[in-house]
C-alpha atoms as a PDB file:
ATOM      1  CA  MET A   1      30.312 -13.980 -22.379  1.00  0.00           C
ATOM      2  CA  GLU A   2      31.619 -11.740 -19.244  1.00  0.00           C
ATOM      3  CA  PRO A   3      29.886  -9.521 -18.120  1.00  0.00           C
ATOM      4  CA  LEU A   4      30.692  -5.437 -18.508  1.00  0.00           C
ATOM      5  CA  TYR A   5      30.444  -4.422 -15.275  1.00  0.00           C
ATOM      6  CA  VAL A   6      30.896  -6.021 -11.864  1.00  0.00           C
ATOM      7  CA  PRO A   7      31.197  -4.119  -8.586  1.00  0.00           C
ATOM      8  CA  ALA A   8      34.141  -3.949  -6.756  1.00  0.00           C
ATOM      9  CA  GLY A   9      34.800  -6.705  -4.153  1.00  0.00           C
ATOM     10  CA  HIS A  10      32.875  -9.083  -6.335  1.00  0.00           C
ATOM     11  CA  MET A  11      34.188 -11.212  -9.408  1.00  0.00           C
ATOM     12  CA  SER A  12      32.644 -12.738 -11.709  1.00  0.00           C
ATOM     13  CA  ALA A  13      31.868 -16.090 -12.501  1.00  0.00           C
ATOM     14  CA  HIS A  14      35.169 -16.414 -15.292  1.00  0.00           C
ATOM     15  CA  GLN A  15      36.970 -14.895 -12.292  1.00  0.00           C
ATOM     16  CA  ALA A  16      36.739 -16.725  -9.806  1.00  0.00           C
ATOM     17  CA  ALA A  17      36.906 -19.604 -11.808  1.00  0.00           C
ATOM     18  CA  ALA A  18      40.263 -18.591 -13.464  1.00  0.00           C
ATOM     19  CA  THR A  19      40.680 -17.544  -9.519  1.00  0.00           C
ATOM     20  CA  LEU A  20      40.577 -21.281  -8.401  1.00  0.00           C
ATOM     21  CA  ARG A  21      41.506 -22.722 -11.357  1.00  0.00           C
ATOM     22  CA  THR A  22      38.645 -24.725 -12.534  1.00  0.00           C
ATOM     23  CA  ASP A  23      35.769 -24.083 -14.859  1.00  0.00           C
ATOM     24  CA  LEU A  24      32.428 -23.212 -14.703  1.00  0.00           C
ATOM     25  CA  ALA A  25      31.460 -26.621 -13.408  1.00  0.00           C
ATOM     26  CA  GLY A  26      33.349 -26.075 -11.126  1.00  0.00           C
ATOM     27  CA  ILE A  27      32.109 -22.729 -10.177  1.00  0.00           C
ATOM     28  CA  ARG A  28      28.460 -24.018 -10.230  1.00  0.00           C
ATOM     29  CA  CYS A  29      28.530 -26.668  -7.952  1.00  0.00           C
ATOM     30  CA  PRO A  30      29.758 -24.753  -4.802  1.00  0.00           C
ATOM     31  CA  VAL A  31      27.168 -23.243  -5.072  1.00  0.00           C
ATOM     32  CA  ARG A  32      24.472 -25.714  -5.868  1.00  0.00           C
ATOM     33  CA  HIS A  33      25.396 -27.468  -3.135  1.00  0.00           C
ATOM     34  CA  GLY A  34      25.211 -24.180  -0.824  1.00  0.00           C
ATOM     35  CA  ARG A  35      29.462 -23.746  -0.052  1.00  0.00           C
ATOM     36  CA  LEU A  36      29.442 -20.360  -2.139  1.00  0.00           C
ATOM     37  CA  ALA A  37      26.576 -17.583  -2.389  1.00  0.00           C
ATOM     38  CA  ARG A  38      25.515 -15.669  -5.696  1.00  0.00           C
ATOM     39  CA  ALA A  39      26.153 -12.008  -4.507  1.00  0.00           C
ATOM     40  CA  GLY A  40      24.068 -10.754  -7.633  1.00  0.00           C
ATOM     41  CA  GLY A  41      23.774 -10.242 -11.252  1.00  0.00           C
ATOM     42  CA  SER A  42      22.154 -12.276 -13.617  1.00  0.00           C
ATOM     43  CA  PRO A  43      21.110 -15.610 -13.537  1.00  0.00           C
ATOM     44  CA  ARG A  44      23.241 -16.269 -16.806  1.00  0.00           C
ATOM     45  CA  GLN A  45      25.935 -13.797 -15.745  1.00  0.00           C
ATOM     46  CA  PRO A  46      25.785 -14.355 -11.719  1.00  0.00           C
ATOM     47  CA  TYR A  47      29.121 -12.661  -9.801  1.00  0.00           C
ATOM     48  CA  TYR A  48      30.365 -13.734  -6.491  1.00  0.00           C
ATOM     49  CA  ASP A  49      31.596 -11.776  -3.201  1.00  0.00           C
ATOM     50  CA  SER A  50      35.104 -11.902  -3.907  1.00  0.00           C
ATOM     51  CA  GLU A  51      35.898 -12.793   0.066  1.00  0.00           C
ATOM     52  CA  GLN A  52      33.401 -15.274  -0.556  1.00  0.00           C
ATOM     53  CA  VAL A  53      35.313 -16.851  -3.229  1.00  0.00           C
ATOM     54  CA  LEU A  54      38.757 -16.692  -2.099  1.00  0.00           C
ATOM     55  CA  ALA A  55      38.174 -17.672   1.304  1.00  0.00           C
ATOM     56  CA  PRO A  56      39.660 -21.453   2.333  1.00  0.00           C
ATOM     57  CA  PRO A  57      37.120 -24.367   0.490  1.00  0.00           C
ATOM     58  CA  ALA A  58      36.359 -25.396   4.831  1.00  0.00           C
ATOM     59  CA  GLU A  59      34.754 -21.870   5.389  1.00  0.00           C
ATOM     60  CA  HIS A  60      32.674 -21.813   2.381  1.00  0.00           C
ATOM     61  CA  LYS A  61      29.652 -21.168   3.612  1.00  0.00           C
ATOM     62  CA  ALA A  62      26.029 -19.434   1.671  1.00  0.00           C
ATOM     63  CA  ALA A  63      25.531 -15.629   2.844  1.00  0.00           C
END
């Protein structure tokens, strides 16, 4: 389920997955390995910093 409100400059997990052309498991993997950091939300409905999601894969780093 998509969160009703995502702050400006951030993406929900579903939006990040669609942007990266992957599924939600494809978002959880970089988070688990520290290449993408959650920027807020809840454990079940996190959101991520848009700039970090859109960064080239070599630049994905935990904030």
